[in-house]
Amino acid sequence: MRQAVILAGGKGIRMLPLTKYVPKPMIKINNKPFLWYLLKNLEKAKYERVLLVVGHKKNVAEEFFMNTNFKFEKEVIHQSKRLGTGHAIKIVEKSIKNNFVVIMGDNLYSEKDLKDIKWDNNFSYVFAVKHKHPERFGVLRTKGDYLIEIQEKPEIPPTNLINSGLYKFTPEIFCALKKIKKSKRGEYELTAAISLLAEDKKVKVEQIHDYWIDLGRLEDVPKVSESVKKNF
């Protein structure tokens, strides 16, 4: 079964004042919530099940999501404590069977890239893009197509290959998440669990081939609007 988990629980501080009353993925882009475009591409890529993890202003995202008529099974998971991306994945374990995709709710990927994910092997994947300013992101160090490590916002990036926020996981990620501790900022970091799997050569890196649209900062909104208009 093609199944995806979308993380939509963060406060989106860098997007204030737009996120004062709505979660970041619900920001309107060309008169539709940004989340709508991601859901549409998941539907076009023939996903059968989508789980939405909500937190900040959860009722707004939940109501919108559950009232859409996309052709996949829907489930909402409440992240009552904001303990990071690792925690957000941890709490979906009971709802997940077999391999699954994880998407940050403020990122948009094409139907083609979502469809081309290798489902049936036993590797987890981090999907990457080359970027002019890798120091603003998680930077990937690789050996061949294997992930060696993810360096978060390094002053001197070892490569220009960055983490795009799209992942394919095997259920082994849940075992790794149980082994990690809180980071300095008091959160369970998904990237820490990925690094544990990478030590055992269980994580590969693949580049995004089509497009990646990142609703990262307030100043990105006009550029995001243009990119969405071009692709929809």
Protein backbone atom coordinates (compact mmCIF):
# COMPACT_ATOMS: atom_id res chain seq x y z
CA MET A 1 0.00 0.00 0.00
CA ARG A 2 1.27 3.46 -0.90
CA GLN A 3 0.96 5.44 2.32
CA ALA A 4 2.23 8.86 3.35
CA VAL A 5 2.55 10.70 6.65
CA ILE A 6 2.41 14.49 6.44
CA LEU A 7 3.81 16.48 9.37
CA ALA A 8 1.67 19.59 9.86
CA GLY A 9 1.98 20.30 13.58
CA GLY A 10 4.69 22.98 13.82
CA LYS A 11 4.10 26.60 14.83
CA GLY A 12 5.70 28.08 11.71
CA ILE A 13 7.34 30.96 13.58
CA ARG A 14 9.26 32.11 10.48
CA MET A 15 5.92 32.58 8.71
CA LEU A 16 4.33 34.94 11.25
CA PRO A 17 1.92 36.74 11.05
CA LEU A 18 0.45 34.30 8.49
CA THR A 19 0.59 31.42 10.99
CA LYS A 20 -1.04 33.29 13.87
CA TYR A 21 -4.40 31.64 13.19
CA VAL A 22 -3.56 28.74 10.87
CA PRO A 23 -0.85 26.04 10.72
CA LYS A 24 1.85 26.65 8.14
CA PRO A 25 0.55 24.14 5.53
CA MET A 26 -2.81 25.94 5.58
CA ILE A 27 -1.38 29.26 4.37
CA LYS A 28 -3.28 30.27 1.24
CA ILE A 29 -1.27 30.13 -1.98
CA ASN A 30 -3.22 31.27 -5.05
CA ASN A 31 -6.51 30.96 -3.11
CA LYS A 32 -5.95 27.39 -1.90
CA PRO A 33 -4.19 26.08 1.21
CA PHE A 34 -0.64 25.00 0.40
CA LEU A 35 -1.58 21.57 1.77
CA TRP A 36 -4.15 21.12 -1.00
CA TYR A 37 -1.45 21.01 -3.70
CA LEU A 38 0.49 18.34 -1.83
CA LEU A 39 -2.64 16.23 -1.33
CA LYS A 40 -3.53 16.62 -5.00
CA ASN A 41 -0.14 15.33 -6.10
CA LEU A 42 -0.39 12.40 -3.69
CA GLU A 43 -3.74 11.52 -5.21
CA LYS A 44 -2.36 11.78 -8.75
CA ALA A 45 0.58 9.57 -7.71
CA LYS A 46 -1.98 6.89 -6.63
CA TYR A 47 -1.38 6.99 -2.89
CA GLU A 48 -3.97 4.92 -1.06
CA ARG A 49 -3.62 6.24 2.48
CA VAL A 50 -2.56 9.59 3.97
CA LEU A 51 -2.03 10.35 7.68
CA LEU A 52 -1.89 13.98 8.79
CA VAL A 53 -0.08 14.79 12.06
CA VAL A 54 -1.49 18.02 13.51
CA GLY A 55 -0.57 20.21 16.47
CA HIS A 56 -0.61 24.02 16.22
CA LYS A 57 -4.15 25.21 15.34
CA LYS A 58 -4.95 21.56 14.76
CA ASN A 59 -8.69 22.02 14.18
CA VAL A 60 -8.09 24.16 11.09
CA ALA A 61 -5.95 21.52 9.35
CA GLU A 62 -8.05 18.58 10.55
CA GLU A 63 -11.34 20.04 9.38
CA PHE A 64 -9.96 20.95 5.98
CA PHE A 65 -8.25 17.57 5.49
CA MET A 66 -11.19 15.41 6.54
CA ASN A 67 -13.60 17.37 4.33
CA THR A 68 -11.57 16.99 1.15
CA ASN A 69 -12.75 14.45 -1.43
CA PHE A 70 -9.39 13.03 -2.47
CA LYS A 71 -9.38 9.36 -3.40
CA PHE A 72 -7.36 7.98 -0.52
CA GLU A 73 -8.03 6.83 3.02
CA LYS A 74 -7.51 9.62 5.57
CA GLU A 75 -6.47 9.62 9.21
CA VAL A 76 -5.54 12.44 11.58
CA ILE A 77 -3.06 12.00 14.45
CA HIS A 78 -2.85 14.64 17.20
CA GLN A 79 0.62 15.57 18.43
CA SER A 80 -0.39 16.99 21.81
CA LYS A 81 3.18 17.78 22.88
CA ARG A 82 5.54 19.60 20.55
CA LEU A 83 8.53 17.33 20.94
CA GLY A 84 9.92 17.44 17.43
CA THR A 85 9.76 15.61 14.14
CA GLY A 86 11.03 12.36 15.62
CA HIS A 87 8.22 12.37 18.16
CA ALA A 88 5.70 13.13 15.38
CA ILE A 89 6.76 9.94 13.57
CA LYS A 90 6.90 7.94 16.80
CA ILE A 91 3.21 8.52 17.50
CA VAL A 92 2.05 7.14 14.13
CA GLU A 93 3.63 3.71 14.68
CA LYS A 94 0.36 1.98 15.57
CA SER A 95 -1.27 3.30 12.40
CA ILE A 96 1.51 2.20 10.04
CA LYS A 97 2.22 -1.14 8.45
CA ASN A 98 5.11 -1.78 6.07
CA ASN A 99 7.04 0.94 4.23
CA PHE A 100 5.81 4.53 4.18
CA VAL A 101 6.69 8.04 3.01
CA VAL A 102 7.12 11.06 5.28
CA ILE A 103 6.61 14.60 3.99
CA MET A 104 7.01 17.90 5.80
CA GLY A 105 3.72 19.78 5.30
CA ASP A 106 5.46 22.95 4.10
CA ASN A 107 7.11 21.14 1.17
CA LEU A 108 5.67 20.26 -2.22
CA TYR A 109 6.88 17.59 -4.62
CA SER A 110 5.71 16.56 -8.07
CA GLU A 111 3.43 13.67 -8.91
CA LYS A 112 6.35 12.05 -10.76
CA ASP A 113 8.79 12.20 -7.83
CA LEU A 114 6.16 10.91 -5.41
CA LYS A 115 5.29 8.09 -7.79
CA ASP A 116 8.89 7.06 -8.53
CA ILE A 117 9.82 6.28 -4.91
CA LYS A 118 11.23 2.77 -4.56
CA TRP A 119 8.66 1.09 -2.31
CA ASP A 120 9.57 -2.53 -2.22
CA ASN A 121 13.21 -2.65 -1.11
CA ASN A 122 14.52 -2.71 2.45
CA PHE A 123 16.30 0.65 2.40
CA SER A 124 15.16 3.96 3.81
CA TYR A 125 15.73 7.00 1.58
CA VAL A 126 16.44 10.68 2.07
CA PHE A 127 15.51 12.71 -1.01
CA ALA A 128 17.93 15.49 -1.83
CA VAL A 129 18.37 18.59 -3.96
CA LYS A 130 21.44 20.66 -4.84
CA HIS A 131 21.17 24.17 -3.39
CA LYS A 132 23.04 27.47 -3.68
CA HIS A 133 22.81 28.05 0.07
CA PRO A 134 23.23 24.63 1.71
CA GLU A 135 24.21 26.27 5.02
CA ARG A 136 20.51 27.06 5.59
CA PHE A 137 19.51 23.38 5.55
CA GLY A 138 20.48 19.90 6.62
CA VAL A 139 23.48 19.01 4.45
CA LEU A 140 24.01 15.43 3.28
CA ARG A 141 27.36 13.67 3.23
CA THR A 142 27.30 10.54 1.11
CA LYS A 143 29.45 7.67 -0.10
CA GLY A 144 28.13 6.47 -3.43
CA ASP A 145 24.37 6.46 -2.93
CA TYR A 146 24.60 5.70 0.81
CA LEU A 147 24.03 8.36 3.45
CA ILE A 148 26.97 8.89 5.81
CA GLU A 149 25.56 11.75 7.88
CA ILE A 150 23.26 14.78 7.97
CA GLN A 151 24.86 18.00 9.22
CA GLU A 152 22.29 20.55 10.37
CA LYS A 153 22.99 24.07 9.03
CA PRO A 154 26.81 23.79 9.06
CA GLU A 155 28.85 26.99 8.76
CA ILE A 156 31.06 25.31 6.16
CA PRO A 157 28.91 22.78 4.26
CA PRO A 158 30.82 19.70 3.07
CA THR A 159 28.57 19.46 -0.03
CA ASN A 160 25.76 21.43 -1.71
CA LEU A 161 23.40 18.46 -1.40
CA ILE A 162 20.60 19.21 1.06
CA ASN A 163 17.80 17.30 2.72
CA SER A 164 14.53 18.22 0.96
CA GLY A 165 12.27 16.93 3.77
CA LEU A 166 10.96 13.93 1.81
CA TYR A 167 11.69 10.43 3.13
CA LYS A 168 10.81 6.82 2.50
CA PHE A 169 11.11 4.64 5.59
CA THR A 170 10.95 0.99 6.45
CA PRO A 171 9.45 0.15 9.88
CA GLU A 172 13.05 0.04 11.20
CA ILE A 173 12.76 3.81 11.72
CA PHE A 174 10.53 3.16 14.74
CA CYS A 175 13.27 1.06 16.39
CA ALA A 176 15.79 3.85 15.76
CA LEU A 177 13.44 6.48 17.18
CA LYS A 178 13.21 4.54 20.44
CA LYS A 179 17.01 4.77 20.84
CA ILE A 180 17.49 8.52 20.42
CA LYS A 181 17.46 11.14 23.19
CA LYS A 182 16.23 14.71 23.17
CA SER A 183 18.44 17.22 21.38
CA LYS A 184 19.76 20.42 22.95
CA ARG A 185 16.56 22.18 21.96
CA GLY A 186 14.48 19.61 23.84
CA GLU A 187 13.14 17.72 20.82
CA TYR A 188 13.42 14.24 19.36
CA GLU A 189 15.06 14.84 16.01
CA LEU A 190 14.06 12.62 13.10
CA THR A 191 17.50 13.16 11.56
CA ALA A 192 19.15 11.62 14.65
CA ALA A 193 17.20 8.40 14.08
CA ILE A 194 18.09 8.46 10.39
CA SER A 195 21.76 8.80 11.34
CA LEU A 196 21.51 5.62 13.44
CA LEU A 197 20.16 3.70 10.45
CA ALA A 198 22.84 5.24 8.23
CA GLU A 199 25.57 3.79 10.48
CA ASP A 200 24.35 0.34 9.45
CA LYS A 201 24.18 1.29 5.74
CA LYS A 202 20.41 1.17 5.72
CA VAL A 203 19.82 4.64 4.26
CA LYS A 204 20.29 5.73 0.66
CA VAL A 205 20.15 9.19 -0.91
CA GLU A 206 18.31 9.93 -4.12
CA GLN A 207 17.93 13.30 -5.82
CA ILE A 208 14.62 14.94 -6.60
CA HIS A 209 14.28 14.87 -10.39
CA ASP A 210 11.33 17.15 -11.02
CA TYR A 211 10.61 19.96 -8.54
CA TRP A 212 10.76 20.84 -4.85
CA ILE A 213 8.83 23.85 -3.56
CA ASP A 214 9.73 24.92 -0.02
CA LEU A 215 7.38 27.22 1.91
CA GLY A 216 10.17 28.00 4.33
CA ARG A 217 10.08 31.71 5.12
CA LEU A 218 7.69 34.64 4.80
CA GLU A 219 9.77 36.16 2.01
CA ASP A 220 9.39 32.92 0.01
CA VAL A 221 5.61 33.35 -0.48
CA PRO A 222 5.70 35.29 -3.82
CA LYS A 223 8.21 32.81 -5.29
CA VAL A 224 6.15 29.86 -4.03
CA SER A 225 3.00 31.37 -5.58
CA GLU A 226 4.72 31.61 -8.96
CA SER A 227 6.09 28.06 -8.78
CA VAL A 228 2.70 26.65 -7.82
CA LYS A 229 1.00 28.56 -10.63
CA LYS A 230 3.49 27.13 -13.11
CA ASN A 231 2.97 23.53 -11.98
CA PHE A 232 -0.79 23.58 -11.44
